[in-house]
Protein backbone atom coordinates (compact mmCIF):
# COMPACT_ATOMS: atom_id res chain seq x y z
CA MET A 1 260.03 4.88 63.48
CA ALA A 2 261.84 1.70 62.69
CA LYS A 3 262.56 1.81 66.36
CA GLU A 4 259.10 1.19 67.38
CA ASN A 5 258.46 -1.42 65.36
CA VAL A 6 261.39 -3.44 66.26
CA LYS A 7 259.29 -2.95 69.51
CA LYS A 8 257.00 -4.48 68.53
CA ASP A 9 258.40 -6.48 66.54
CA GLU A 10 260.11 -7.72 70.08
CA GLU A 11 257.05 -7.84 71.79
CA ARG A 12 255.24 -10.07 69.06
CA LEU A 13 257.96 -12.36 70.20
CA GLU A 14 257.67 -12.70 73.54
CA GLN A 15 253.99 -12.60 73.16
CA ILE A 16 254.62 -16.31 71.32
CA GLU A 17 257.86 -16.93 73.47
CA SER A 18 255.15 -16.97 76.26
CA THR A 19 252.31 -18.38 75.24
CA LEU A 20 254.81 -21.35 74.14
CA GLY A 21 255.89 -21.93 77.34
CA LYS A 22 252.33 -21.91 78.86
CA THR A 23 251.62 -24.67 75.49
CA GLU A 24 254.73 -26.51 77.13
CA MET A 25 253.95 -26.71 80.71
CA PHE A 26 251.09 -27.60 80.60
CA VAL A 27 251.42 -30.47 78.08
CA GLU A 28 253.87 -31.53 80.37
CA ASN A 29 251.19 -31.34 83.44
CA ASN A 30 248.09 -33.05 81.14
CA LYS A 31 250.49 -36.67 79.31
CA LYS A 32 248.87 -38.31 81.39
CA THR A 33 245.31 -36.88 80.30
CA ILE A 34 245.74 -35.96 76.36
CA THR A 35 247.23 -39.95 75.81
CA ILE A 36 244.55 -41.00 77.27
CA ALA A 37 242.02 -38.45 75.53
CA VAL A 38 244.38 -39.21 72.70
CA ILE A 39 243.92 -43.05 73.10
CA ALA A 40 240.33 -43.13 73.21
CA VAL A 41 239.79 -41.20 69.89
CA VAL A 42 241.64 -43.99 68.49
CA VAL A 43 240.45 -46.66 69.68
CA VAL A 44 237.11 -44.04 68.66
CA VAL A 45 237.90 -43.92 65.10
CA LEU A 46 239.31 -47.75 64.32
CA ALA A 47 235.86 -49.33 66.17
CA ILE A 48 233.76 -47.63 63.78
CA PHE A 49 235.89 -48.61 60.63
CA GLY A 50 235.57 -51.86 62.28
CA ILE A 51 231.93 -51.99 62.41
CA LYS A 52 231.86 -50.74 58.70
CA LYS A 53 234.14 -52.38 57.72
CA PHE A 54 233.42 -55.71 59.43
CA VAL A 55 229.87 -55.46 60.92
CA MET A 56 227.83 -53.36 58.43
CA GLU A 57 229.60 -53.52 54.64
CA PRO A 58 229.04 -57.71 55.17
CA ARG A 59 225.16 -57.17 56.70
CA GLU A 60 224.95 -54.59 52.80
CA GLU A 61 226.12 -57.72 50.66
CA ALA A 62 223.73 -60.01 52.63
CA ALA A 63 220.86 -58.21 52.40
CA GLU A 64 221.12 -57.41 48.37
CA LYS A 65 221.17 -60.64 47.97
CA ALA A 66 218.58 -61.70 50.33
CA MET A 67 216.88 -59.27 48.39
CA PHE A 68 217.47 -60.47 44.81
CA HIS A 69 215.27 -63.26 43.96
CA ALA A 70 212.45 -61.04 45.43
CA GLU A 71 213.26 -58.90 43.93
CA GLN A 72 212.63 -61.22 40.44
CA LEU A 73 209.49 -62.26 41.67
CA PHE A 74 208.07 -59.70 42.23
CA ARG A 75 208.97 -58.48 38.10
CA ALA A 76 207.35 -61.80 37.29
CA ASP A 77 204.07 -60.10 38.74
CA ASP A 78 204.46 -62.83 41.54
CA TYR A 79 203.39 -59.79 44.77
CA ALA A 80 203.17 -62.85 47.03
CA THR A 81 205.85 -64.83 46.81
CA ALA A 82 207.44 -61.83 46.20
CA LEU A 83 206.28 -60.62 49.63
CA ASN A 84 206.52 -63.87 51.71
CA GLY A 85 209.37 -65.97 49.64
CA ASP A 86 208.56 -68.94 48.71
CA GLY A 87 210.22 -71.65 51.01
CA ASN A 88 213.72 -71.51 49.71
CA PHE A 89 214.31 -68.13 49.69
CA ASP A 90 212.98 -65.50 51.32
CA GLY A 91 210.74 -62.73 50.83
CA PHE A 92 210.53 -59.32 51.89
CA LEU A 93 209.35 -59.28 54.94
CA GLU A 94 212.07 -61.59 55.76
CA VAL A 95 214.53 -59.02 55.05
CA ILE A 96 212.75 -56.37 57.05
CA ASN A 97 212.78 -58.80 59.38
CA GLU A 98 216.72 -59.46 58.74
CA TYR A 99 217.66 -56.48 57.95
CA GLY A 100 216.10 -53.98 58.61
CA GLY A 101 219.29 -50.85 59.19
CA THR A 102 220.59 -51.65 55.64
CA LYS A 103 220.16 -50.05 52.45
CA SER A 104 218.04 -53.25 50.97
CA GLY A 105 215.78 -53.49 54.31
CA ASN A 106 214.85 -49.73 53.79
CA LEU A 107 214.02 -50.41 50.22
CA ALA A 108 212.55 -53.52 50.56
CA LYS A 109 209.93 -51.74 52.69
CA CYS A 110 208.67 -50.42 49.60
CA TYR A 111 208.60 -53.62 47.87
CA ALA A 112 206.36 -54.38 50.66
CA GLY A 113 204.43 -51.46 50.52
CA LEU A 114 203.94 -52.13 46.54
CA CYS A 115 203.27 -55.29 46.53
CA TYR A 116 199.36 -55.38 49.58
CA LEU A 117 198.80 -52.43 46.76
CA ASN A 118 199.22 -54.61 44.48
CA MET A 119 197.45 -56.92 45.92
CA GLY A 120 194.54 -54.99 47.39
CA GLU A 121 195.37 -54.77 51.13
CA PHE A 122 195.97 -51.50 50.92
CA GLU A 123 195.82 -50.40 54.72
CA ASN A 124 199.36 -52.06 55.47
CA ALA A 125 200.13 -50.99 51.44
CA ILE A 126 200.40 -47.40 53.05
CA LYS A 127 202.08 -48.87 57.01
CA TYR A 128 205.02 -50.48 55.03
CA LEU A 129 205.24 -47.76 52.76
CA LYS A 130 204.97 -44.43 55.66
CA GLU A 131 207.91 -46.89 57.32
CA PHE A 132 210.28 -46.70 53.83
CA LYS A 133 212.57 -44.06 54.38
CA GLY A 134 214.04 -43.65 50.21
CA LYS A 135 215.95 -40.14 49.39
CA ASP A 136 216.15 -40.14 46.15
CA GLN A 137 215.02 -38.98 42.84
CA PHE A 138 212.91 -42.61 41.29
CA MET A 139 212.22 -45.01 45.22
CA LYS A 140 210.31 -41.67 46.58
CA PRO A 141 207.97 -39.89 44.68
CA LEU A 142 207.26 -43.64 43.90
CA ALA A 143 206.42 -44.75 47.27
CA MET A 144 204.45 -41.74 48.29
CA GLY A 145 202.18 -41.81 45.02
CA ALA A 146 201.94 -45.83 45.66
CA MET A 147 200.92 -44.77 49.29
CA GLY A 148 198.02 -42.08 47.63
CA ASP A 149 196.40 -45.20 45.58
CA ALA A 150 196.64 -46.59 48.18
CA TYR A 151 194.84 -43.63 49.94
CA LEU A 152 192.37 -43.57 47.47
CA GLU A 153 191.26 -47.06 46.73
CA LEU A 154 190.24 -46.46 50.85
CA ASP A 155 188.48 -43.60 50.07
CA ASN A 156 191.04 -41.54 51.73
CA VAL A 157 190.58 -38.76 48.72
CA ALA A 158 192.09 -35.25 51.03
CA GLU A 159 195.00 -37.84 51.15
CA ALA A 160 195.15 -39.06 48.85
CA ALA A 161 195.91 -35.16 47.20
CA SER A 162 198.69 -35.12 50.18
CA CYS A 163 200.41 -37.53 48.47
CA TYR A 164 200.07 -37.05 44.37
CA GLU A 165 200.62 -33.25 45.25
CA LYS A 166 203.83 -34.25 47.57
CA ALA A 167 205.20 -36.75 45.02
CA ALA A 168 205.16 -34.66 42.26
CA LYS A 169 207.15 -32.03 43.63
CA ASP A 170 209.80 -34.71 44.67
CA THR A 171 210.37 -35.63 40.93
CA LYS A 172 211.67 -32.92 38.11
CA ASN A 173 211.28 -36.91 35.78
CA ILE A 174 208.76 -35.44 32.68
CA THR A 175 206.93 -40.06 33.14
CA THR A 176 206.32 -39.12 36.54
CA ALA A 177 206.35 -35.53 37.45
CA PRO A 178 202.96 -35.21 34.38
CA MET A 179 201.37 -38.31 35.40
CA PHE A 180 201.36 -37.72 39.52
CA LEU A 181 200.38 -33.98 39.35
CA MET A 182 196.71 -35.29 36.89
CA LYS A 183 196.04 -37.64 39.42
CA ALA A 184 196.44 -34.66 42.51
CA GLY A 185 194.58 -32.45 39.91
CA TYR A 186 191.61 -35.60 39.91
CA THR A 187 191.33 -35.34 42.92
CA TYR A 188 191.94 -32.43 43.61
CA GLU A 189 188.38 -32.24 41.25
CA MET A 190 186.62 -34.37 43.12
CA LEU A 191 187.58 -32.32 46.95
CA GLU A 192 186.01 -29.72 44.65
CA ASN A 193 188.72 -27.34 45.75
CA TYR A 194 189.38 -25.88 41.72
CA ASN A 195 191.63 -23.72 42.25
CA LYS A 196 194.22 -27.10 44.22
CA ALA A 197 193.58 -28.75 40.38
CA LEU A 198 193.82 -25.69 38.26
CA GLU A 199 197.48 -25.38 40.38
CA MET A 200 198.65 -28.73 39.46
CA TYR A 201 196.51 -28.85 35.45
CA THR A 202 198.61 -24.77 35.43
CA ILE A 203 201.72 -26.73 36.35
CA ILE A 204 201.95 -29.23 33.81
CA ARG A 205 200.64 -26.76 31.28
CA ASP A 206 204.31 -24.67 31.79
CA GLU A 207 206.84 -26.77 32.86
CA TYR A 208 205.55 -30.51 31.13
CA PRO A 209 203.72 -29.52 28.06
CA THR A 210 205.91 -32.90 25.94
CA SER A 211 204.45 -35.70 28.18
CA THR A 212 201.64 -37.75 27.96
CA GLU A 213 199.22 -35.56 30.33
CA GLY A 214 200.70 -31.87 28.44
CA PHE A 215 199.33 -32.98 26.04
CA HIS A 216 195.57 -33.52 27.01
CA VAL A 217 195.81 -30.81 30.24
CA LEU A 218 194.36 -28.11 28.50
CA LYS A 219 190.88 -29.85 28.57
CA ASN A 220 191.04 -29.80 32.43
CA ILE A 221 191.74 -26.44 32.67
CA ALA A 222 189.44 -25.53 31.11
CA TYR A 223 186.45 -27.21 33.79
CA VAL A 224 187.75 -26.20 36.34
CA GLU A 225 188.31 -23.04 35.19
CA ALA A 226 184.41 -23.46 34.16
CA LYS A 227 184.04 -23.91 37.86
CA LEU A 228 185.38 -21.82 39.34
CA ALA A 229 183.11 -19.04 36.68
CA GLU A 230 180.49 -20.28 38.18
């Protein structure tokens, strides 16, 4: 039994040595190709690092600085100036044009959509809110909910309802989620889709009972249930 184990170990060693030998031969025969490949990888890595360090990061910083004044104007409800600038500072539209590929440039699209919404230019609002690519739990549902407001102003109730429902699903915030659910419920009522309205109101009742909407949602539930019973 011991002899068999020794024999097997010897065979394994021979296989390993054979494999190592083949590897050494391959390396020896392909030195030039391997060297070129390694250099190419190093060049690519350095190029990516260089682009990030010396191109992308400075552009991000410049975009943030360009956004600052526009954001201040937005908070002061001066939407037209925040959007178009004032001659001394860039507005959101200029930030989008100059820094569209940056995080701030993307955020400027959301701000631009909100500016247009508050200015009553609802089609432009939808255009920029659609272009905004948000992922976080605040801006993404905010943009979707604002799009719902714009569609509702344009009497596209079905799209408004869909946007409100998506906005509610994108956030678990105790303030914004029930607000969007309530808006979704109202718009589904406008469409006489009482099953969907009941679904929205029931989520408020079950998941957000202590919210402002939660204190009043029972009457909404009673109303749509009565409609479904007719």
